């Protein structure tokens, strides 16, 4: 589970404050077009889980989009 504590409190380009891992996952879905599961669902907040059954190429692209989305947070 990647730790999301470093982005809690940051603000998206649209002005939404990332106040939980649940908010972060919504941001990933809306902006990066990547689905993930918030760690709170597993008692592991603030974190997230990526479940995948796809090619390595698709997974690399998804991870790049997550990185870009996180870099856009201020």
PDB file of N, CA and C in Angstrom:
ATOM      1  N   UNK A   1       0.840  -1.181   0.000  1.00  0.00           N
ATOM      2  CA  UNK A   1       0.000   0.000   0.000  1.00  0.00           C
ATOM      3  C   UNK A   1       0.886   1.247   0.000  1.00  0.00           C
ATOM      4  N   UNK A   2       0.868   2.021  -1.070  1.00  0.00           N
ATOM      5  CA  UNK A   2       1.630   3.272  -1.067  1.00  0.00           C
ATOM      6  C   UNK A   2       1.091   4.238  -0.010  1.00  0.00           C
ATOM      7  N   UNK A   3       1.995   4.874   0.684  1.00  0.00           N
ATOM      8  CA  UNK A   3       1.651   5.852   1.724  1.00  0.00           C
ATOM      9  C   UNK A   3       1.221   7.158   1.068  1.00  0.00           C
ATOM     10  N   UNK A   4       0.042   7.649   1.440  1.00  0.00           N
ATOM     11  CA  UNK A   4      -0.489   8.885   0.863  1.00  0.00           C
ATOM     12  C   UNK A   4      -0.353  10.078   1.796  1.00  0.00           C
ATOM     13  N   UNK A   5       0.324   9.915   2.917  1.00  0.00           N
ATOM     14  CA  UNK A   5       0.385  11.003   3.901  1.00  0.00           C
ATOM     15  C   UNK A   5       1.056  12.258   3.349  1.00  0.00           C
ATOM     16  N   UNK A   6       1.926  12.115   2.370  1.00  0.00           N
ATOM     17  CA  UNK A   6       2.622  13.265   1.808  1.00  0.00           C
ATOM     18  C   UNK A   6       1.758  14.187   0.969  1.00  0.00           C
ATOM     19  N   UNK A   7       0.575  13.719   0.574  1.00  0.00           N
ATOM     20  CA  UNK A   7      -0.300  14.567  -0.237  1.00  0.00           C
ATOM     21  C   UNK A   7      -1.546  15.024   0.514  1.00  0.00           C
ATOM     22  N   UNK A   8      -1.756  14.495   1.706  1.00  0.00           N
ATOM     23  CA  UNK A   8      -2.901  14.935   2.507  1.00  0.00           C
ATOM     24  C   UNK A   8      -2.691  16.410   2.861  1.00  0.00           C
ATOM     25  N   UNK A   9      -3.707  17.211   2.613  1.00  0.00           N
ATOM     26  CA  UNK A   9      -3.627  18.647   2.864  1.00  0.00           C
ATOM     27  C   UNK A   9      -3.278  19.464   1.632  1.00  0.00           C
ATOM     28  N   UNK A  10      -2.848  18.800   0.576  1.00  0.00           N
ATOM     29  CA  UNK A  10      -2.538  19.524  -0.661  1.00  0.00           C
ATOM     30  C   UNK A  10      -3.821  19.814  -1.425  1.00  0.00           C
ATOM     31  N   UNK A  11      -3.711  20.704  -2.418  1.00  0.00           N
ATOM     32  CA  UNK A  11      -4.879  21.176  -3.159  1.00  0.00           C
ATOM     33  C   UNK A  11      -4.721  20.823  -4.637  1.00  0.00           C
ATOM     34  N   UNK A  12      -5.803  20.334  -5.235  1.00  0.00           N
ATOM     35  CA  UNK A  12      -5.800  19.977  -6.655  1.00  0.00           C
ATOM     36  C   UNK A  12      -5.834  21.239  -7.513  1.00  0.00           C
ATOM     37  N   UNK A  13      -5.522  21.117  -8.800  1.00  0.00           N
ATOM     38  CA  UNK A  13      -5.623  22.276  -9.691  1.00  0.00           C
ATOM     39  C   UNK A  13      -7.030  22.886  -9.733  1.00  0.00           C
ATOM     40  N   UNK A  14      -8.049  22.109  -9.403  1.00  0.00           N
ATOM     41  CA  UNK A  14      -9.426  22.611  -9.380  1.00  0.00           C
ATOM     42  C   UNK A  14      -9.816  23.180  -8.020  1.00  0.00           C
ATOM     43  N   UNK A  15      -8.867  23.226  -7.083  1.00  0.00           N
ATOM     44  CA  UNK A  15      -9.123  23.840  -5.789  1.00  0.00           C
ATOM     45  C   UNK A  15      -9.687  22.927  -4.719  1.00  0.00           C
ATOM     46  N   UNK A  16      -9.674  21.632  -4.942  1.00  0.00           N
ATOM     47  CA  UNK A  16     -10.177  20.674  -3.958  1.00  0.00           C
ATOM     48  C   UNK A  16      -9.034  20.256  -3.038  1.00  0.00           C
ATOM     49  N   UNK A  17      -9.250  20.346  -1.737  1.00  0.00           N
ATOM     50  CA  UNK A  17      -8.236  19.916  -0.775  1.00  0.00           C
ATOM     51  C   UNK A  17      -8.288  18.404  -0.620  1.00  0.00           C
ATOM     52  N   UNK A  18      -7.142  17.768  -0.724  1.00  0.00           N
ATOM     53  CA  UNK A  18      -7.045  16.327  -0.497  1.00  0.00           C
ATOM     54  C   UNK A  18      -6.994  16.136   1.019  1.00  0.00           C
ATOM     55  N   UNK A  19      -8.144  15.805   1.601  1.00  0.00           N
ATOM     56  CA  UNK A  19      -8.232  15.700   3.056  1.00  0.00           C
ATOM     57  C   UNK A  19      -8.245  14.261   3.558  1.00  0.00           C
ATOM     58  N   UNK A  20      -8.214  13.308   2.637  1.00  0.00           N
ATOM     59  CA  UNK A  20      -8.207  11.894   3.031  1.00  0.00           C
ATOM     60  C   UNK A  20      -7.749  11.055   1.843  1.00  0.00           C
ATOM     61  N   UNK A  21      -7.459   9.797   2.121  1.00  0.00           N
ATOM     62  CA  UNK A  21      -7.106   8.916   1.013  1.00  0.00           C
ATOM     63  C   UNK A  21      -8.311   8.675   0.106  1.00  0.00           C
ATOM     64  N   UNK A  22      -9.513   8.780   0.642  1.00  0.00           N
ATOM     65  CA  UNK A  22     -10.714   8.647  -0.185  1.00  0.00           C
ATOM     66  C   UNK A  22     -10.802   9.789  -1.203  1.00  0.00           C
ATOM     67  N   UNK A  23     -10.518  11.006  -0.765  1.00  0.00           N
ATOM     68  CA  UNK A  23     -10.515  12.152  -1.674  1.00  0.00           C
ATOM     69  C   UNK A  23      -9.421  11.982  -2.728  1.00  0.00           C
ATOM     70  N   UNK A  24      -8.281  11.483  -2.316  1.00  0.00           N
ATOM     71  CA  UNK A  24      -7.171  11.259  -3.247  1.00  0.00           C
ATOM     72  C   UNK A  24      -7.559  10.269  -4.341  1.00  0.00           C
ATOM     73  N   UNK A  25      -8.231   9.199  -3.977  1.00  0.00           N
ATOM     74  CA  UNK A  25      -8.630   8.197  -4.960  1.00  0.00           C
ATOM     75  C   UNK A  25      -9.629   8.783  -5.955  1.00  0.00           C
ATOM     76  N   UNK A  26     -10.537   9.624  -5.480  1.00  0.00           N
ATOM     77  CA  UNK A  26     -11.457  10.314  -6.389  1.00  0.00           C
ATOM     78  C   UNK A  26     -10.708  11.205  -7.360  1.00  0.00           C
ATOM     79  N   UNK A  27      -9.685  11.881  -6.858  1.00  0.00           N
ATOM     80  CA  UNK A  27      -8.847  12.736  -7.704  1.00  0.00           C
ATOM     81  C   UNK A  27      -8.117  11.895  -8.753  1.00  0.00           C
ATOM     82  N   UNK A  28      -7.550  10.764  -8.346  1.00  0.00           N
ATOM     83  CA  UNK A  28      -6.880   9.885  -9.312  1.00  0.00           C
ATOM     84  C   UNK A  28      -7.844   9.455 -10.412  1.00  0.00           C
ATOM     85  N   UNK A  29      -9.055   9.103 -10.038  1.00  0.00           N
ATOM     86  CA  UNK A  29     -10.028   8.644 -11.023  1.00  0.00           C
ATOM     87  C   UNK A  29     -10.420   9.774 -11.971  1.00  0.00           C
ATOM     88  N   UNK A  30     -10.708  10.948 -11.415  1.00  0.00           N
ATOM     89  CA  UNK A  30     -11.142  12.083 -12.233  1.00  0.00           C
ATOM     90  C   UNK A  30     -10.035  12.645 -13.115  1.00  0.00           C
ATOM     91  N   UNK A  31      -8.863  12.814 -12.558  1.00  0.00           N
ATOM     92  CA  UNK A  31      -7.791  13.514 -13.277  1.00  0.00           C
ATOM     93  C   UNK A  31      -6.815  12.587 -13.990  1.00  0.00           C
ATOM     94  N   UNK A  32      -6.448  11.481 -13.363  1.00  0.00           N
ATOM     95  CA  UNK A  32      -5.459  10.583 -13.961  1.00  0.00           C
ATOM     96  C   UNK A  32      -6.110   9.427 -14.709  1.00  0.00           C
ATOM     97  N   UNK A  33      -7.422   9.283 -14.524  1.00  0.00           N
ATOM     98  CA  UNK A  33      -8.166   8.175 -15.145  1.00  0.00           C
ATOM     99  C   UNK A  33      -7.613   6.825 -14.703  1.00  0.00           C
ATOM    100  N   UNK A  34      -7.267   6.752 -13.405  1.00  0.00           N
ATOM    101  CA  UNK A  34      -6.758   5.523 -12.808  1.00  0.00           C
ATOM    102  C   UNK A  34      -7.622   5.186 -11.601  1.00  0.00           C
ATOM    103  N   UNK A  35      -8.123   3.964 -11.572  1.00  0.00           N
ATOM    104  CA  UNK A  35      -8.924   3.510 -10.435  1.00  0.00           C
ATOM    105  C   UNK A  35      -8.010   2.852  -9.406  1.00  0.00           C
ATOM    106  N   UNK A  36      -8.286   3.115  -8.149  1.00  0.00           N
ATOM    107  CA  UNK A  36      -7.552   2.513  -7.043  1.00  0.00           C
ATOM    108  C   UNK A  36      -8.523   2.401  -5.872  1.00  0.00           C
ATOM    109  N   UNK A  37      -8.071   1.789  -4.792  1.00  0.00           N
ATOM    110  CA  UNK A  37      -8.903   1.621  -3.603  1.00  0.00           C
ATOM    111  C   UNK A  37      -8.239   2.365  -2.455  1.00  0.00           C
ATOM    112  N   UNK A  38      -9.025   3.156  -1.732  1.00  0.00           N
ATOM    113  CA  UNK A  38      -8.456   3.903  -0.608  1.00  0.00           C
ATOM    114  C   UNK A  38      -8.104   2.951   0.532  1.00  0.00           C
ATOM    115  N   UNK A  39      -7.032   3.271   1.218  1.00  0.00           N
ATOM    116  CA  UNK A  39      -6.560   2.431   2.310  1.00  0.00           C
ATOM    117  C   UNK A  39      -7.528   2.327   3.463  1.00  0.00           C
ATOM    118  N   UNK A  40      -8.373   3.343   3.648  1.00  0.00           N
ATOM    119  CA  UNK A  40      -9.351   3.305   4.734  1.00  0.00           C
ATOM    120  C   UNK A  40     -10.239   2.071   4.621  1.00  0.00           C
ATOM    121  N   UNK A  41     -10.469   1.591   3.411  1.00  0.00           N
ATOM    122  CA  UNK A  41     -11.291   0.396   3.206  1.00  0.00           C
ATOM    123  C   UNK A  41     -10.655  -0.843   3.836  1.00  0.00           C
ATOM    124  N   UNK A  42      -9.350  -0.772   4.090  1.00  0.00           N
ATOM    125  CA  UNK A  42      -8.614  -1.886   4.673  1.00  0.00           C
ATOM    126  C   UNK A  42      -8.040  -1.532   6.045  1.00  0.00           C
ATOM    127  N   UNK A  43      -8.468  -0.394   6.593  1.00  0.00           N
ATOM    128  CA  UNK A  43      -7.937   0.054   7.877  1.00  0.00           C
ATOM    129  C   UNK A  43      -6.509   0.552   7.779  1.00  0.00           C
ATOM    130  N   UNK A  44      -6.103   1.002   6.607  1.00  0.00           N
ATOM    131  CA  UNK A  44      -4.718   1.429   6.369  1.00  0.00           C
ATOM    132  C   UNK A  44      -4.649   2.850   5.833  1.00  0.00           C
ATOM    133  N   UNK A  45      -5.343   3.745   6.458  1.00  0.00           N
ATOM    134  CA  UNK A  45      -5.372   5.137   6.019  1.00  0.00           C
ATOM    135  C   UNK A  45      -4.212   5.908   6.643  1.00  0.00           C
ATOM    136  N   UNK A  46      -3.570   6.820   5.965  1.00  0.00           N
ATOM    137  CA  UNK A  46      -3.773   7.237   4.585  1.00  0.00           C
ATOM    138  C   UNK A  46      -2.862   6.458   3.637  1.00  0.00           C
ATOM    139  N   UNK A  47      -3.460   5.636   2.846  1.00  0.00           N
ATOM    140  CA  UNK A  47      -2.733   4.846   1.858  1.00  0.00           C
ATOM    141  C   UNK A  47      -3.712   4.505   0.738  1.00  0.00           C
ATOM    142  N   UNK A  48      -3.222   3.822  -0.268  1.00  0.00           N
ATOM    143  CA  UNK A  48      -4.117   3.351  -1.318  1.00  0.00           C
ATOM    144  C   UNK A  48      -3.586   2.049  -1.890  1.00  0.00           C
ATOM    145  N   UNK A  49      -4.455   1.356  -2.574  1.00  0.00           N
ATOM    146  CA  UNK A  49      -4.102   0.064  -3.155  1.00  0.00           C
ATOM    147  C   UNK A  49      -4.441   0.087  -4.634  1.00  0.00           C
ATOM    148  N   UNK A  50      -3.530  -0.434  -5.420  1.00  0.00           N
ATOM    149  CA  UNK A  50      -3.768  -0.574  -6.849  1.00  0.00           C
ATOM    150  C   UNK A  50      -3.914  -2.066  -7.131  1.00  0.00           C
ATOM    151  N   UNK A  51      -5.053  -2.459  -7.631  1.00  0.00           N
ATOM    152  CA  UNK A  51      -5.285  -3.841  -8.045  1.00  0.00           C
ATOM    153  C   UNK A  51      -5.185  -3.873  -9.560  1.00  0.00           C
ATOM    154  N   UNK A  52      -4.477  -4.825 -10.077  1.00  0.00           N
ATOM    155  CA  UNK A  52      -4.298  -4.834 -11.521  1.00  0.00           C
ATOM    156  C   UNK A  52      -4.252  -6.250 -12.084  1.00  0.00           C
ATOM    157  N   UNK A  53      -4.742  -6.373 -13.276  1.00  0.00           N
ATOM    158  CA  UNK A  53      -4.661  -7.596 -14.069  1.00  0.00           C
ATOM    159  C   UNK A  53      -4.570  -7.130 -15.522  1.00  0.00           C
ATOM    160  N   UNK A  54      -3.428  -6.556 -15.830  1.00  0.00           N
ATOM    161  CA  UNK A  54      -3.238  -5.962 -17.149  1.00  0.00           C
ATOM    162  C   UNK A  54      -1.774  -6.082 -17.542  1.00  0.00           C
ATOM    163  N   UNK A  55      -1.443  -5.589 -18.694  1.00  0.00           N
ATOM    164  CA  UNK A  55      -0.066  -5.675 -19.170  1.00  0.00           C
ATOM    165  C   UNK A  55       0.838  -4.716 -18.396  1.00  0.00           C
ATOM    166  N   UNK A  56       2.112  -5.018 -18.416  1.00  0.00           N
ATOM    167  CA  UNK A  56       3.089  -4.157 -17.759  1.00  0.00           C
ATOM    168  C   UNK A  56       3.091  -2.769 -18.391  1.00  0.00           C
ATOM    169  N   UNK A  57       2.888  -2.693 -19.688  1.00  0.00           N
ATOM    170  CA  UNK A  57       2.857  -1.406 -20.392  1.00  0.00           C
ATOM    171  C   UNK A  57       1.717  -0.524 -19.877  1.00  0.00           C
ATOM    172  N   UNK A  58       0.535  -1.098 -19.742  1.00  0.00           N
ATOM    173  CA  UNK A  58      -0.618  -0.339 -19.243  1.00  0.00           C
ATOM    174  C   UNK A  58      -0.378   0.086 -17.798  1.00  0.00           C
ATOM    175  N   UNK A  59       0.191  -0.794 -17.002  1.00  0.00           N
ATOM    176  CA  UNK A  59       0.481  -0.467 -15.605  1.00  0.00           C
ATOM    177  C   UNK A  59       1.490   0.679 -15.502  1.00  0.00           C
ATOM    178  N   UNK A  60       2.512   0.669 -16.332  1.00  0.00           N
ATOM    179  CA  UNK A  60       3.502   1.752 -16.325  1.00  0.00           C
ATOM    180  C   UNK A  60       2.857   3.087 -16.679  1.00  0.00           C
ATOM    181  N   UNK A  61       1.959   3.080 -17.673  1.00  0.00           N
ATOM    182  CA  UNK A  61       1.262   4.311 -18.054  1.00  0.00           C
ATOM    183  C   UNK A  61       0.394   4.819 -16.908  1.00  0.00           C
ATOM    184  N   UNK A  62      -0.282   3.909 -16.230  1.00  0.00           N
ATOM    185  CA  UNK A  62      -1.128   4.300 -15.099  1.00  0.00           C
ATOM    186  C   UNK A  62      -0.286   4.908 -13.982  1.00  0.00           C
ATOM    187  N   UNK A  63       0.850   4.304 -13.700  1.00  0.00           N
ATOM    188  CA  UNK A  63       1.728   4.839 -12.649  1.00  0.00           C
ATOM    189  C   UNK A  63       2.265   6.216 -13.031  1.00  0.00           C
ATOM    190  N   UNK A  64       2.574   6.405 -14.299  1.00  0.00           N
ATOM    191  CA  UNK A  64       3.022   7.722 -14.764  1.00  0.00           C
ATOM    192  C   UNK A  64       1.926   8.757 -14.568  1.00  0.00           C
ATOM    193  N   UNK A  65       0.677   8.401 -14.878  1.00  0.00           N
ATOM    194  CA  UNK A  65      -0.438   9.339 -14.698  1.00  0.00           C
ATOM    195  C   UNK A  65      -0.652   9.658 -13.220  1.00  0.00           C
ATOM    196  N   UNK A  66      -0.475   8.673 -12.344  1.00  0.00           N
ATOM    197  CA  UNK A  66      -0.581   8.936 -10.899  1.00  0.00           C
ATOM    198  C   UNK A  66       0.517   9.904 -10.475  1.00  0.00           C
ATOM    199  N   UNK A  67       1.738   9.684 -10.943  1.00  0.00           N
ATOM    200  CA  UNK A  67       2.848  10.586 -10.612  1.00  0.00           C
ATOM    201  C   UNK A  67       2.563  12.003 -11.090  1.00  0.00           C
ATOM    202  N   UNK A  68       2.054  12.139 -12.297  1.00  0.00           N
ATOM    203  CA  UNK A  68       1.739  13.469 -12.837  1.00  0.00           C
ATOM    204  C   UNK A  68       0.627  14.134 -12.034  1.00  0.00           C
ATOM    205  N   UNK A  69      -0.377  13.370 -11.646  1.00  0.00           N
ATOM    206  CA  UNK A  69      -1.471  13.926 -10.843  1.00  0.00           C
ATOM    207  C   UNK A  69      -0.953  14.398  -9.487  1.00  0.00           C
ATOM    208  N   UNK A  70      -0.080  13.615  -8.874  1.00  0.00           N
ATOM    209  CA  UNK A  70       0.490  14.020  -7.578  1.00  0.00           C
ATOM    210  C   UNK A  70       1.367  15.258  -7.730  1.00  0.00           C
ATOM    211  N   UNK A  71       2.111  15.341  -8.822  1.00  0.00           N
ATOM    212  CA  UNK A  71       2.973  16.502  -9.054  1.00  0.00           C
ATOM    213  C   UNK A  71       2.160  17.777  -9.244  1.00  0.00           C
ATOM    214  N   UNK A  72       0.917  17.650  -9.699  1.00  0.00           N
ATOM    215  CA  UNK A  72       0.066  18.825  -9.924  1.00  0.00           C
ATOM    216  C   UNK A  72      -0.550  19.365  -8.636  1.00  0.00           C
ATOM    217  N   UNK A  73      -0.438  18.610  -7.549  1.00  0.00           N
ATOM    218  CA  UNK A  73      -0.989  19.071  -6.267  1.00  0.00           C
ATOM    219  C   UNK A  73      -0.104  20.158  -5.679  1.00  0.00           C
ATOM    220  N   UNK A  74      -0.728  21.156  -5.081  1.00  0.00           N
ATOM    221  CA  UNK A  74       0.022  22.274  -4.471  1.00  0.00           C
ATOM    222  C   UNK A  74      -0.300  22.372  -2.998  1.00  0.00           C
TER     223      UNK A  74
END
